[in-house]
């Protein structure tokens, strides 16, 4: 599933290691990270105090998720391929992974915000 999602934007790489060993673990951890961060935002912080209930905090959290998605994908790809420097495909992969992290977090936000006490209307 993740291979087709990444290759939709990046195209197929000549190195089969991306399809075999990189796309699926990175996609799964990005999905899991976005879910955990959304759960913390809505189920812990959103029920704790009416402090984390505005759009600014949500956007900051979204940016953190995007940065994690980019850095994790780039470092994982560099580690698995054994490259010393990131090439343009790795950087594109990091960017697309950051985009998917933002999409996952937004979807989880829409699903989990109804379970929050104070952040029911965050971000929308």
PDB file of N, CA and C in Angstrom:
ATOM      1  N   UNK A   1       0.811  -1.182   0.000  1.00  0.00           N
ATOM      2  CA  UNK A   1       0.000   0.000   0.000  1.00  0.00           C
ATOM      3  C   UNK A   1       0.863   1.259   0.000  1.00  0.00           C
ATOM      4  N   UNK A   2       1.848   1.319   0.911  1.00  0.00           N
ATOM      5  CA  UNK A   2       2.681   2.512   0.987  1.00  0.00           C
ATOM      6  C   UNK A   2       3.569   2.664  -0.242  1.00  0.00           C
ATOM      7  N   UNK A   3       3.988   1.569  -0.823  1.00  0.00           N
ATOM      8  CA  UNK A   3       4.818   1.654  -2.020  1.00  0.00           C
ATOM      9  C   UNK A   3       4.075   2.372  -3.128  1.00  0.00           C
ATOM     10  N   UNK A   4       2.832   2.027  -3.345  1.00  0.00           N
ATOM     11  CA  UNK A   4       2.071   2.694  -4.404  1.00  0.00           C
ATOM     12  C   UNK A   4       1.792   4.151  -4.060  1.00  0.00           C
ATOM     13  N   UNK A   5       1.604   4.471  -2.779  1.00  0.00           N
ATOM     14  CA  UNK A   5       1.382   5.862  -2.379  1.00  0.00           C
ATOM     15  C   UNK A   5       2.615   6.726  -2.643  1.00  0.00           C
ATOM     16  N   UNK A   6       3.787   6.212  -2.312  1.00  0.00           N
ATOM     17  CA  UNK A   6       5.004   6.983  -2.530  1.00  0.00           C
ATOM     18  C   UNK A   6       5.374   7.043  -4.011  1.00  0.00           C
ATOM     19  N   UNK A   7       5.221   5.932  -4.708  1.00  0.00           N
ATOM     20  CA  UNK A   7       5.568   5.929  -6.126  1.00  0.00           C
ATOM     21  C   UNK A   7       4.592   6.741  -6.967  1.00  0.00           C
ATOM     22  N   UNK A   8       3.417   7.006  -6.455  1.00  0.00           N
ATOM     23  CA  UNK A   8       2.471   7.874  -7.142  1.00  0.00           C
ATOM     24  C   UNK A   8       3.069   9.250  -7.355  1.00  0.00           C
ATOM     25  N   UNK A   9       3.773   9.775  -6.363  1.00  0.00           N
ATOM     26  CA  UNK A   9       4.366  11.110  -6.442  1.00  0.00           C
ATOM     27  C   UNK A   9       5.821  11.081  -6.891  1.00  0.00           C
ATOM     28  N   UNK A  10       6.571  10.075  -6.470  1.00  0.00           N
ATOM     29  CA  UNK A  10       8.006  10.053  -6.715  1.00  0.00           C
ATOM     30  C   UNK A  10       8.403   9.310  -7.984  1.00  0.00           C
ATOM     31  N   UNK A  11       7.556   8.431  -8.427  1.00  0.00           N
ATOM     32  CA  UNK A  11       7.945   7.543  -9.516  1.00  0.00           C
ATOM     33  C   UNK A  11       8.731   6.365  -8.954  1.00  0.00           C
ATOM     34  N   UNK A  12       8.943   5.395  -9.777  1.00  0.00           N
ATOM     35  CA  UNK A  12       9.634   4.196  -9.335  1.00  0.00           C
ATOM     36  C   UNK A  12      11.139   4.440  -9.371  1.00  0.00           C
ATOM     37  N   UNK A  13      11.826   3.995  -8.347  1.00  0.00           N
ATOM     38  CA  UNK A  13      13.275   4.126  -8.278  1.00  0.00           C
ATOM     39  C   UNK A  13      13.913   2.878  -8.842  1.00  0.00           C
ATOM     40  N   UNK A  14      15.075   3.037  -9.473  1.00  0.00           N
ATOM     41  CA  UNK A  14      15.782   1.887 -10.035  1.00  0.00           C
ATOM     42  C   UNK A  14      16.316   0.958  -8.943  1.00  0.00           C
ATOM     43  N   UNK A  15      16.533   1.500  -7.763  1.00  0.00           N
ATOM     44  CA  UNK A  15      17.011   0.704  -6.643  1.00  0.00           C
ATOM     45  C   UNK A  15      15.811   0.040  -5.963  1.00  0.00           C
ATOM     46  N   UNK A  16      15.720  -1.289  -6.000  1.00  0.00           N
ATOM     47  CA  UNK A  16      14.543  -1.960  -5.417  1.00  0.00           C
ATOM     48  C   UNK A  16      14.487  -1.887  -3.900  1.00  0.00           C
ATOM     49  N   UNK A  17      15.523  -1.378  -3.249  1.00  0.00           N
ATOM     50  CA  UNK A  17      15.512  -1.315  -1.784  1.00  0.00           C
ATOM     51  C   UNK A  17      14.412  -0.391  -1.271  1.00  0.00           C
ATOM     52  N   UNK A  18      14.054   0.624  -2.063  1.00  0.00           N
ATOM     53  CA  UNK A  18      12.981   1.523  -1.626  1.00  0.00           C
ATOM     54  C   UNK A  18      11.660   0.769  -1.513  1.00  0.00           C
ATOM     55  N   UNK A  19      11.306   0.036  -2.543  1.00  0.00           N
ATOM     56  CA  UNK A  19      10.042  -0.706  -2.534  1.00  0.00           C
ATOM     57  C   UNK A  19      10.082  -1.878  -1.549  1.00  0.00           C
ATOM     58  N   UNK A  20      11.249  -2.495  -1.394  1.00  0.00           N
ATOM     59  CA  UNK A  20      11.347  -3.686  -0.555  1.00  0.00           C
ATOM     60  C   UNK A  20      11.526  -3.393   0.927  1.00  0.00           C
ATOM     61  N   UNK A  21      12.323  -2.358   1.256  1.00  0.00           N
ATOM     62  CA  UNK A  21      12.719  -2.181   2.650  1.00  0.00           C
ATOM     63  C   UNK A  21      12.491  -0.791   3.241  1.00  0.00           C
ATOM     64  N   UNK A  22      12.105   0.182   2.441  1.00  0.00           N
ATOM     65  CA  UNK A  22      12.033   1.548   2.970  1.00  0.00           C
ATOM     66  C   UNK A  22      10.605   2.065   3.054  1.00  0.00           C
ATOM     67  N   UNK A  23       9.848   1.959   1.982  1.00  0.00           N
ATOM     68  CA  UNK A  23       8.532   2.588   1.934  1.00  0.00           C
ATOM     69  C   UNK A  23       7.578   2.104   3.028  1.00  0.00           C
ATOM     70  N   UNK A  24       7.456   0.811   3.211  1.00  0.00           N
ATOM     71  CA  UNK A  24       6.492   0.274   4.165  1.00  0.00           C
ATOM     72  C   UNK A  24       6.832   0.613   5.617  1.00  0.00           C
ATOM     73  N   UNK A  25       8.077   0.397   6.081  1.00  0.00           N
ATOM     74  CA  UNK A  25       8.353   0.764   7.480  1.00  0.00           C
ATOM     75  C   UNK A  25       8.217   2.261   7.752  1.00  0.00           C
ATOM     76  N   UNK A  26       8.667   3.082   6.814  1.00  0.00           N
ATOM     77  CA  UNK A  26       8.556   4.530   7.009  1.00  0.00           C
ATOM     78  C   UNK A  26       7.085   4.945   7.014  1.00  0.00           C
ATOM     79  N   UNK A  27       6.297   4.419   6.104  1.00  0.00           N
ATOM     80  CA  UNK A  27       4.879   4.751   6.050  1.00  0.00           C
ATOM     81  C   UNK A  27       4.137   4.310   7.297  1.00  0.00           C
ATOM     82  N   UNK A  28       4.445   3.114   7.780  1.00  0.00           N
ATOM     83  CA  UNK A  28       3.765   2.612   8.983  1.00  0.00           C
ATOM     84  C   UNK A  28       4.126   3.437  10.216  1.00  0.00           C
ATOM     85  N   UNK A  29       5.419   3.765  10.377  1.00  0.00           N
ATOM     86  CA  UNK A  29       5.799   4.539  11.549  1.00  0.00           C
ATOM     87  C   UNK A  29       5.252   5.968  11.460  1.00  0.00           C
ATOM     88  N   UNK A  30       5.206   6.533  10.274  1.00  0.00           N
ATOM     89  CA  UNK A  30       4.631   7.864  10.113  1.00  0.00           C
ATOM     90  C   UNK A  30       3.146   7.853  10.468  1.00  0.00           C
ATOM     91  N   UNK A  31       2.420   6.847  10.013  1.00  0.00           N
ATOM     92  CA  UNK A  31       1.007   6.699  10.344  1.00  0.00           C
ATOM     93  C   UNK A  31       0.817   6.535  11.851  1.00  0.00           C
ATOM     94  N   UNK A  32       1.619   5.698  12.474  1.00  0.00           N
ATOM     95  CA  UNK A  32       1.536   5.464  13.910  1.00  0.00           C
ATOM     96  C   UNK A  32       1.892   6.729  14.698  1.00  0.00           C
ATOM     97  N   UNK A  33       2.933   7.441  14.260  1.00  0.00           N
ATOM     98  CA  UNK A  33       3.331   8.667  14.944  1.00  0.00           C
ATOM     99  C   UNK A  33       2.232   9.719  14.869  1.00  0.00           C
ATOM    100  N   UNK A  34       1.622   9.871  13.699  1.00  0.00           N
ATOM    101  CA  UNK A  34       0.531  10.839  13.546  1.00  0.00           C
ATOM    102  C   UNK A  34      -0.650  10.463  14.441  1.00  0.00           C
ATOM    103  N   UNK A  35      -0.961   9.184  14.547  1.00  0.00           N
ATOM    104  CA  UNK A  35      -2.044   8.728  15.418  1.00  0.00           C
ATOM    105  C   UNK A  35      -1.737   9.005  16.885  1.00  0.00           C
ATOM    106  N   UNK A  36      -0.530   8.706  17.319  1.00  0.00           N
ATOM    107  CA  UNK A  36      -0.153   8.913  18.717  1.00  0.00           C
ATOM    108  C   UNK A  36      -0.170  10.401  19.062  1.00  0.00           C
ATOM    109  N   UNK A  37       0.366  11.229  18.181  1.00  0.00           N
ATOM    110  CA  UNK A  37       0.387  12.670  18.454  1.00  0.00           C
ATOM    111  C   UNK A  37      -1.033  13.228  18.488  1.00  0.00           C
ATOM    112  N   UNK A  38      -1.883  12.795  17.585  1.00  0.00           N
ATOM    113  CA  UNK A  38      -3.274  13.249  17.597  1.00  0.00           C
ATOM    114  C   UNK A  38      -3.989  12.772  18.865  1.00  0.00           C
ATOM    115  N   UNK A  39      -3.720  11.551  19.274  1.00  0.00           N
ATOM    116  CA  UNK A  39      -4.336  11.044  20.503  1.00  0.00           C
ATOM    117  C   UNK A  39      -3.861  11.829  21.717  1.00  0.00           C
ATOM    118  N   UNK A  40      -2.585  12.139  21.779  1.00  0.00           N
ATOM    119  CA  UNK A  40      -2.075  12.947  22.885  1.00  0.00           C
ATOM    120  C   UNK A  40      -2.712  14.331  22.860  1.00  0.00           C
ATOM    121  N   UNK A  41      -2.798  14.931  21.681  1.00  0.00           N
ATOM    122  CA  UNK A  41      -3.360  16.276  21.566  1.00  0.00           C
ATOM    123  C   UNK A  41      -4.814  16.313  22.010  1.00  0.00           C
ATOM    124  N   UNK A  42      -5.616  15.371  21.551  1.00  0.00           N
ATOM    125  CA  UNK A  42      -7.056  15.420  21.830  1.00  0.00           C
ATOM    126  C   UNK A  42      -7.469  14.680  23.094  1.00  0.00           C
ATOM    127  N   UNK A  43      -6.882  13.531  23.344  1.00  0.00           N
ATOM    128  CA  UNK A  43      -7.350  12.711  24.457  1.00  0.00           C
ATOM    129  C   UNK A  43      -6.650  13.007  25.774  1.00  0.00           C
ATOM    130  N   UNK A  44      -5.425  13.509  25.716  1.00  0.00           N
ATOM    131  CA  UNK A  44      -4.736  13.868  26.951  1.00  0.00           C
ATOM    132  C   UNK A  44      -4.764  15.374  27.185  1.00  0.00           C
ATOM    133  N   UNK A  45      -4.155  16.119  26.289  1.00  0.00           N
ATOM    134  CA  UNK A  45      -4.097  17.571  26.475  1.00  0.00           C
ATOM    135  C   UNK A  45      -5.469  18.217  26.308  1.00  0.00           C
ATOM    136  N   UNK A  46      -6.269  17.699  25.397  1.00  0.00           N
ATOM    137  CA  UNK A  46      -7.596  18.258  25.166  1.00  0.00           C
ATOM    138  C   UNK A  46      -8.603  17.964  26.258  1.00  0.00           C
ATOM    139  N   UNK A  47      -8.250  17.079  27.165  1.00  0.00           N
ATOM    140  CA  UNK A  47      -9.117  16.772  28.303  1.00  0.00           C
ATOM    141  C   UNK A  47      -8.539  17.309  29.608  1.00  0.00           C
ATOM    142  N   UNK A  48      -7.290  17.739  29.575  1.00  0.00           N
ATOM    143  CA  UNK A  48      -6.596  18.139  30.783  1.00  0.00           C
ATOM    144  C   UNK A  48      -6.980  19.543  31.228  1.00  0.00           C
ATOM    145  N   UNK A  49      -6.699  20.526  30.378  1.00  0.00           N
ATOM    146  CA  UNK A  49      -7.001  21.927  30.686  1.00  0.00           C
ATOM    147  C   UNK A  49      -7.399  22.637  29.402  1.00  0.00           C
ATOM    148  N   UNK A  50      -8.131  23.707  29.514  1.00  0.00           N
ATOM    149  CA  UNK A  50      -8.473  24.462  28.301  1.00  0.00           C
ATOM    150  C   UNK A  50      -7.324  25.371  27.864  1.00  0.00           C
ATOM    151  N   UNK A  51      -6.144  24.780  27.724  1.00  0.00           N
ATOM    152  CA  UNK A  51      -4.966  25.522  27.285  1.00  0.00           C
ATOM    153  C   UNK A  51      -4.629  25.162  25.846  1.00  0.00           C
ATOM    154  N   UNK A  52      -4.719  23.904  25.511  1.00  0.00           N
ATOM    155  CA  UNK A  52      -4.337  23.421  24.193  1.00  0.00           C
ATOM    156  C   UNK A  52      -5.544  23.274  23.282  1.00  0.00           C
ATOM    157  N   UNK A  53      -6.403  24.250  23.293  1.00  0.00           N
ATOM    158  CA  UNK A  53      -7.641  24.120  22.534  1.00  0.00           C
ATOM    159  C   UNK A  53      -7.763  25.142  21.416  1.00  0.00           C
ATOM    160  N   UNK A  54      -6.666  25.765  21.026  1.00  0.00           N
ATOM    161  CA  UNK A  54      -6.785  26.739  19.946  1.00  0.00           C
ATOM    162  C   UNK A  54      -6.037  26.279  18.696  1.00  0.00           C
ATOM    163  N   UNK A  55      -6.302  26.952  17.623  1.00  0.00           N
ATOM    164  CA  UNK A  55      -5.756  26.544  16.327  1.00  0.00           C
ATOM    165  C   UNK A  55      -4.244  26.716  16.270  1.00  0.00           C
ATOM    166  N   UNK A  56      -3.707  27.679  16.988  1.00  0.00           N
ATOM    167  CA  UNK A  56      -2.255  27.890  16.984  1.00  0.00           C
ATOM    168  C   UNK A  56      -1.520  26.663  17.507  1.00  0.00           C
ATOM    169  N   UNK A  57      -2.000  26.073  18.588  1.00  0.00           N
ATOM    170  CA  UNK A  57      -1.363  24.869  19.121  1.00  0.00           C
ATOM    171  C   UNK A  57      -1.497  23.703  18.145  1.00  0.00           C
ATOM    172  N   UNK A  58      -2.620  23.633  17.482  1.00  0.00           N
ATOM    173  CA  UNK A  58      -2.827  22.566  16.513  1.00  0.00           C
ATOM    174  C   UNK A  58      -1.862  22.720  15.338  1.00  0.00           C
ATOM    175  N   UNK A  59      -1.667  23.933  14.864  1.00  0.00           N
ATOM    176  CA  UNK A  59      -0.753  24.173  13.743  1.00  0.00           C
ATOM    177  C   UNK A  59       0.686  23.877  14.152  1.00  0.00           C
ATOM    178  N   UNK A  60       1.062  24.252  15.366  1.00  0.00           N
ATOM    179  CA  UNK A  60       2.405  23.925  15.854  1.00  0.00           C
ATOM    180  C   UNK A  60       2.593  22.411  15.901  1.00  0.00           C
ATOM    181  N   UNK A  61       1.594  21.701  16.365  1.00  0.00           N
ATOM    182  CA  UNK A  61       1.657  20.244  16.409  1.00  0.00           C
ATOM    183  C   UNK A  61       1.733  19.663  15.006  1.00  0.00           C
ATOM    184  N   UNK A  62       0.990  20.229  14.081  1.00  0.00           N
ATOM    185  CA  UNK A  62       1.028  19.790  12.684  1.00  0.00           C
ATOM    186  C   UNK A  62       2.420  19.980  12.089  1.00  0.00           C
ATOM    187  N   UNK A  63       3.050  21.094  12.365  1.00  0.00           N
ATOM    188  CA  UNK A  63       4.405  21.355  11.868  1.00  0.00           C
ATOM    189  C   UNK A  63       5.399  20.373  12.471  1.00  0.00           C
ATOM    190  N   UNK A  64       5.247  20.063  13.753  1.00  0.00           N
ATOM    191  CA  UNK A  64       6.124  19.077  14.398  1.00  0.00           C
ATOM    192  C   UNK A  64       5.970  17.714  13.730  1.00  0.00           C
ATOM    193  N   UNK A  65       4.752  17.323  13.432  1.00  0.00           N
ATOM    194  CA  UNK A  65       4.509  16.045  12.759  1.00  0.00           C
ATOM    195  C   UNK A  65       5.136  16.048  11.365  1.00  0.00           C
ATOM    196  N   UNK A  66       5.016  17.147  10.650  1.00  0.00           N
ATOM    197  CA  UNK A  66       5.601  17.250   9.308  1.00  0.00           C
ATOM    198  C   UNK A  66       7.125  17.185   9.364  1.00  0.00           C
ATOM    199  N   UNK A  67       7.729  17.878  10.310  1.00  0.00           N
ATOM    200  CA  UNK A  67       9.187  17.846  10.440  1.00  0.00           C
ATOM    201  C   UNK A  67       9.661  16.441  10.779  1.00  0.00           C
ATOM    202  N   UNK A  68       8.952  15.787  11.695  1.00  0.00           N
ATOM    203  CA  UNK A  68       9.296  14.402  12.007  1.00  0.00           C
ATOM    204  C   UNK A  68       9.217  13.532  10.760  1.00  0.00           C
ATOM    205  N   UNK A  69       8.141  13.670   9.995  1.00  0.00           N
ATOM    206  CA  UNK A  69       7.974  12.865   8.788  1.00  0.00           C
ATOM    207  C   UNK A  69       9.113  13.067   7.799  1.00  0.00           C
ATOM    208  N   UNK A  70       9.540  14.301   7.612  1.00  0.00           N
ATOM    209  CA  UNK A  70      10.631  14.581   6.679  1.00  0.00           C
ATOM    210  C   UNK A  70      11.952  14.021   7.179  1.00  0.00           C
ATOM    211  N   UNK A  71      12.302  14.342   8.416  1.00  0.00           N
ATOM    212  CA  UNK A  71      13.598  13.932   8.964  1.00  0.00           C
ATOM    213  C   UNK A  71      13.692  12.416   9.086  1.00  0.00           C
ATOM    214  N   UNK A  72      12.638  11.788   9.556  1.00  0.00           N
ATOM    215  CA  UNK A  72      12.666  10.333   9.708  1.00  0.00           C
ATOM    216  C   UNK A  72      12.816   9.633   8.362  1.00  0.00           C
ATOM    217  N   UNK A  73      12.056  10.057   7.370  1.00  0.00           N
ATOM    218  CA  UNK A  73      12.142   9.412   6.057  1.00  0.00           C
ATOM    219  C   UNK A  73      13.528   9.601   5.439  1.00  0.00           C
ATOM    220  N   UNK A  74      14.066  10.792   5.552  1.00  0.00           N
ATOM    221  CA  UNK A  74      15.376  11.070   4.983  1.00  0.00           C
ATOM    222  C   UNK A  74      16.459  10.245   5.665  1.00  0.00           C
ATOM    223  N   UNK A  75      16.457  10.219   6.984  1.00  0.00           N
ATOM    224  CA  UNK A  75      17.477   9.462   7.714  1.00  0.00           C
ATOM    225  C   UNK A  75      17.326   7.962   7.522  1.00  0.00           C
ATOM    226  N   UNK A  76      16.109   7.475   7.479  1.00  0.00           N
ATOM    227  CA  UNK A  76      15.895   6.044   7.279  1.00  0.00           C
ATOM    228  C   UNK A  76      16.370   5.623   5.892  1.00  0.00           C
ATOM    229  N   UNK A  77      16.065   6.422   4.894  1.00  0.00           N
ATOM    230  CA  UNK A  77      16.498   6.103   3.528  1.00  0.00           C
ATOM    231  C   UNK A  77      18.017   6.163   3.405  1.00  0.00           C
ATOM    232  N   UNK A  78      18.644   7.143   4.030  1.00  0.00           N
ATOM    233  CA  UNK A  78      20.108   7.222   4.002  1.00  0.00           C
ATOM    234  C   UNK A  78      20.729   6.025   4.689  1.00  0.00           C
ATOM    235  N   UNK A  79      20.161   5.625   5.806  1.00  0.00           N
ATOM    236  CA  UNK A  79      20.688   4.492   6.560  1.00  0.00           C
ATOM    237  C   UNK A  79      20.540   3.185   5.786  1.00  0.00           C
ATOM    238  N   UNK A  80      19.371   2.951   5.216  1.00  0.00           N
ATOM    239  CA  UNK A  80      19.123   1.683   4.511  1.00  0.00           C
ATOM    240  C   UNK A  80      19.873   1.573   3.196  1.00  0.00           C
ATOM    241  N   UNK A  81      20.082   2.690   2.509  1.00  0.00           N
ATOM    242  CA  UNK A  81      20.806   2.640   1.239  1.00  0.00           C
ATOM    243  C   UNK A  81      22.307   2.732   1.431  1.00  0.00           C
ATOM    244  N   UNK A  82      22.743   3.182   2.588  1.00  0.00           N
ATOM    245  CA  UNK A  82      24.168   3.321   2.850  1.00  0.00           C
ATOM    246  C   UNK A  82      24.774   4.558   2.212  1.00  0.00           C
ATOM    247  N   UNK A  83      23.968   5.489   1.801  1.00  0.00           N
ATOM    248  CA  UNK A  83      24.463   6.710   1.163  1.00  0.00           C
ATOM    249  C   UNK A  83      25.002   7.666   2.219  1.00  0.00           C
ATOM    250  N   UNK A  84      26.050   8.402   1.843  1.00  0.00           N
ATOM    251  CA  UNK A  84      26.610   9.389   2.759  1.00  0.00           C
ATOM    252  C   UNK A  84      25.813  10.685   2.727  1.00  0.00           C
ATOM    253  N   UNK A  85      25.377  11.074   1.548  1.00  0.00           N
ATOM    254  CA  UNK A  85      24.606  12.298   1.377  1.00  0.00           C
ATOM    255  C   UNK A  85      23.240  11.957   0.794  1.00  0.00           C
ATOM    256  N   UNK A  86      22.286  12.798   1.086  1.00  0.00           N
ATOM    257  CA  UNK A  86      20.939  12.589   0.556  1.00  0.00           C
ATOM    258  C   UNK A  86      20.875  13.073  -0.887  1.00  0.00           C
ATOM    259  N   UNK A  87      20.356  12.230  -1.747  1.00  0.00           N
ATOM    260  CA  UNK A  87      20.172  12.641  -3.132  1.00  0.00           C
ATOM    261  C   UNK A  87      18.783  13.247  -3.311  1.00  0.00           C
ATOM    262  N   UNK A  88      18.470  13.639  -4.523  1.00  0.00           N
ATOM    263  CA  UNK A  88      17.191  14.317  -4.756  1.00  0.00           C
ATOM    264  C   UNK A  88      16.002  13.381  -4.541  1.00  0.00           C
ATOM    265  N   UNK A  89      16.161  12.096  -4.818  1.00  0.00           N
ATOM    266  CA  UNK A  89      15.068  11.162  -4.588  1.00  0.00           C
ATOM    267  C   UNK A  89      14.778  11.036  -3.093  1.00  0.00           C
ATOM    268  N   UNK A  90      15.825  10.988  -2.274  1.00  0.00           N
ATOM    269  CA  UNK A  90      15.629  10.908  -0.824  1.00  0.00           C
ATOM    270  C   UNK A  90      14.961  12.163  -0.290  1.00  0.00           C
ATOM    271  N   UNK A  91      15.369  13.299  -0.789  1.00  0.00           N
ATOM    272  CA  UNK A  91      14.756  14.546  -0.335  1.00  0.00           C
ATOM    273  C   UNK A  91      13.297  14.626  -0.770  1.00  0.00           C
ATOM    274  N   UNK A  92      13.020  14.180  -1.978  1.00  0.00           N
ATOM    275  CA  UNK A  92      11.632  14.113  -2.428  1.00  0.00           C
ATOM    276  C   UNK A  92      10.820  13.140  -1.590  1.00  0.00           C
ATOM    277  N   UNK A  93      11.428  12.028  -1.237  1.00  0.00           N
ATOM    278  CA  UNK A  93      10.770  11.046  -0.378  1.00  0.00           C
ATOM    279  C   UNK A  93      10.467  11.649   0.993  1.00  0.00           C
ATOM    280  N   UNK A  94      11.414  12.393   1.533  1.00  0.00           N
ATOM    281  CA  UNK A  94      11.173  13.067   2.813  1.00  0.00           C
ATOM    282  C   UNK A  94      10.040  14.070   2.721  1.00  0.00           C
ATOM    283  N   UNK A  95      10.004  14.824   1.628  1.00  0.00           N
ATOM    284  CA  UNK A  95       8.939  15.803   1.445  1.00  0.00           C
ATOM    285  C   UNK A  95       7.571  15.160   1.297  1.00  0.00           C
ATOM    286  N   UNK A  96       7.507  14.090   0.528  1.00  0.00           N
ATOM    287  CA  UNK A  96       6.239  13.389   0.354  1.00  0.00           C
ATOM    288  C   UNK A  96       5.810  12.734   1.663  1.00  0.00           C
ATOM    289  N   UNK A  97       6.769  12.218   2.415  1.00  0.00           N
ATOM    290  CA  UNK A  97       6.422  11.622   3.705  1.00  0.00           C
ATOM    291  C   UNK A  97       5.908  12.689   4.666  1.00  0.00           C
ATOM    292  N   UNK A  98       6.485  13.878   4.627  1.00  0.00           N
ATOM    293  CA  UNK A  98       5.978  14.978   5.455  1.00  0.00           C
ATOM    294  C   UNK A  98       4.547  15.322   5.053  1.00  0.00           C
ATOM    295  N   UNK A  99       4.276  15.326   3.752  1.00  0.00           N
ATOM    296  CA  UNK A  99       2.917  15.587   3.275  1.00  0.00           C
ATOM    297  C   UNK A  99       1.947  14.516   3.780  1.00  0.00           C
ATOM    298  N   UNK A 100       2.345  13.257   3.693  1.00  0.00           N
ATOM    299  CA  UNK A 100       1.478  12.184   4.197  1.00  0.00           C
ATOM    300  C   UNK A 100       1.302  12.275   5.708  1.00  0.00           C
ATOM    301  N   UNK A 101       2.336  12.687   6.438  1.00  0.00           N
ATOM    302  CA  UNK A 101       2.209  12.858   7.879  1.00  0.00           C
ATOM    303  C   UNK A 101       1.169  13.932   8.203  1.00  0.00           C
ATOM    304  N   UNK A 102       1.169  15.015   7.442  1.00  0.00           N
ATOM    305  CA  UNK A 102       0.184  16.078   7.628  1.00  0.00           C
ATOM    306  C   UNK A 102      -1.222  15.562   7.317  1.00  0.00           C
ATOM    307  N   UNK A 103      -1.353  14.809   6.251  1.00  0.00           N
ATOM    308  CA  UNK A 103      -2.656  14.255   5.878  1.00  0.00           C
ATOM    309  C   UNK A 103      -3.156  13.288   6.952  1.00  0.00           C
ATOM    310  N   UNK A 104      -2.279  12.394   7.411  1.00  0.00           N
ATOM    311  CA  UNK A 104      -2.674  11.438   8.457  1.00  0.00           C
ATOM    312  C   UNK A 104      -3.091  12.167   9.728  1.00  0.00           C
ATOM    313  N   UNK A 105      -2.311  13.167  10.144  1.00  0.00           N
ATOM    314  CA  UNK A 105      -2.631  13.896  11.361  1.00  0.00           C
ATOM    315  C   UNK A 105      -3.962  14.626  11.234  1.00  0.00           C
ATOM    316  N   UNK A 106      -4.218  15.187  10.068  1.00  0.00           N
ATOM    317  CA  UNK A 106      -5.489  15.890   9.853  1.00  0.00           C
ATOM    318  C   UNK A 106      -6.671  14.919   9.913  1.00  0.00           C
ATOM    319  N   UNK A 107      -6.512  13.768   9.324  1.00  0.00           N
ATOM    320  CA  UNK A 107      -7.578  12.756   9.367  1.00  0.00           C
ATOM    321  C   UNK A 107      -7.815  12.287  10.798  1.00  0.00           C
ATOM    322  N   UNK A 108      -6.737  11.994  11.518  1.00  0.00           N
ATOM    323  CA  UNK A 108      -6.890  11.558  12.908  1.00  0.00           C
ATOM    324  C   UNK A 108      -7.470  12.667  13.771  1.00  0.00           C
ATOM    325  N   UNK A 109      -7.146  13.913  13.466  1.00  0.00           N
ATOM    326  CA  UNK A 109      -7.727  15.040  14.199  1.00  0.00           C
ATOM    327  C   UNK A 109      -9.234  15.082  14.011  1.00  0.00           C
ATOM    328  N   UNK A 110      -9.666  14.887  12.779  1.00  0.00           N
ATOM    329  CA  UNK A 110     -11.100  14.908  12.503  1.00  0.00           C
ATOM    330  C   UNK A 110     -11.818  13.761  13.223  1.00  0.00           C
ATOM    331  N   UNK A 111     -11.148  12.630  13.362  1.00  0.00           N
ATOM    332  CA  UNK A 111     -11.763  11.480  14.023  1.00  0.00           C
ATOM    333  C   UNK A 111     -11.734  11.580  15.549  1.00  0.00           C
ATOM    334  N   UNK A 112     -10.670  12.139  16.111  1.00  0.00           N
ATOM    335  CA  UNK A 112     -10.494  12.115  17.563  1.00  0.00           C
ATOM    336  C   UNK A 112     -10.994  13.355  18.286  1.00  0.00           C
ATOM    337  N   UNK A 113     -11.228  14.432  17.574  1.00  0.00           N
ATOM    338  CA  UNK A 113     -11.592  15.672  18.276  1.00  0.00           C
ATOM    339  C   UNK A 113     -12.935  15.577  18.996  1.00  0.00           C
ATOM    340  N   UNK A 114     -13.810  14.717  18.560  1.00  0.00           N
ATOM    341  CA  UNK A 114     -15.108  14.572  19.243  1.00  0.00           C
ATOM    342  C   UNK A 114     -14.975  13.954  20.622  1.00  0.00           C
ATOM    343  N   UNK A 115     -13.832  13.302  20.891  1.00  0.00           N
ATOM    344  CA  UNK A 115     -13.606  12.691  22.201  1.00  0.00           C
ATOM    345  C   UNK A 115     -12.905  13.630  23.175  1.00  0.00           C
ATOM    346  N   UNK A 116     -12.565  14.822  22.713  1.00  0.00           N
ATOM    347  CA  UNK A 116     -11.909  15.807  23.555  1.00  0.00           C
ATOM    348  C   UNK A 116     -12.950  16.620  24.302  1.00  0.00           C
ATOM    349  N   UNK A 117     -12.562  17.176  25.426  1.00  0.00           N
ATOM    350  CA  UNK A 117     -13.462  18.034  26.184  1.00  0.00           C
ATOM    351  C   UNK A 117     -13.289  19.491  25.756  1.00  0.00           C
ATOM    352  N   UNK A 118     -12.056  19.960  25.726  1.00  0.00           N
ATOM    353  CA  UNK A 118     -11.791  21.346  25.461  1.00  0.00           C
ATOM    354  C   UNK A 118     -11.432  21.645  23.998  1.00  0.00           C
ATOM    355  N   UNK A 119     -10.964  20.648  23.266  1.00  0.00           N
ATOM    356  CA  UNK A 119     -10.499  20.885  21.897  1.00  0.00           C
ATOM    357  C   UNK A 119     -11.453  20.322  20.845  1.00  0.00           C
ATOM    358  N   UNK A 120     -12.728  20.293  21.157  1.00  0.00           N
ATOM    359  CA  UNK A 120     -13.720  19.744  20.215  1.00  0.00           C
ATOM    360  C   UNK A 120     -13.792  20.544  18.920  1.00  0.00           C
ATOM    361  N   UNK A 121     -13.508  21.810  18.973  1.00  0.00           N
ATOM    362  CA  UNK A 121     -13.625  22.660  17.794  1.00  0.00           C
ATOM    363  C   UNK A 121     -12.254  23.027  17.195  1.00  0.00           C
ATOM    364  N   UNK A 122     -11.214  22.362  17.620  1.00  0.00           N
ATOM    365  CA  UNK A 122      -9.875  22.613  17.103  1.00  0.00           C
ATOM    366  C   UNK A 122      -9.582  21.560  16.055  1.00  0.00           C
ATOM    367  N   UNK A 123      -9.184  21.892  14.896  1.00  0.00           N
ATOM    368  CA  UNK A 123      -8.823  23.189  14.348  1.00  0.00           C
ATOM    369  C   UNK A 123      -9.972  23.904  13.670  1.00  0.00           C
ATOM    370  N   UNK A 124     -11.100  23.231  13.464  1.00  0.00           N
ATOM    371  CA  UNK A 124     -12.160  23.833  12.637  1.00  0.00           C
ATOM    372  C   UNK A 124     -13.338  24.273  13.483  1.00  0.00           C
TER     373      UNK A 124
END
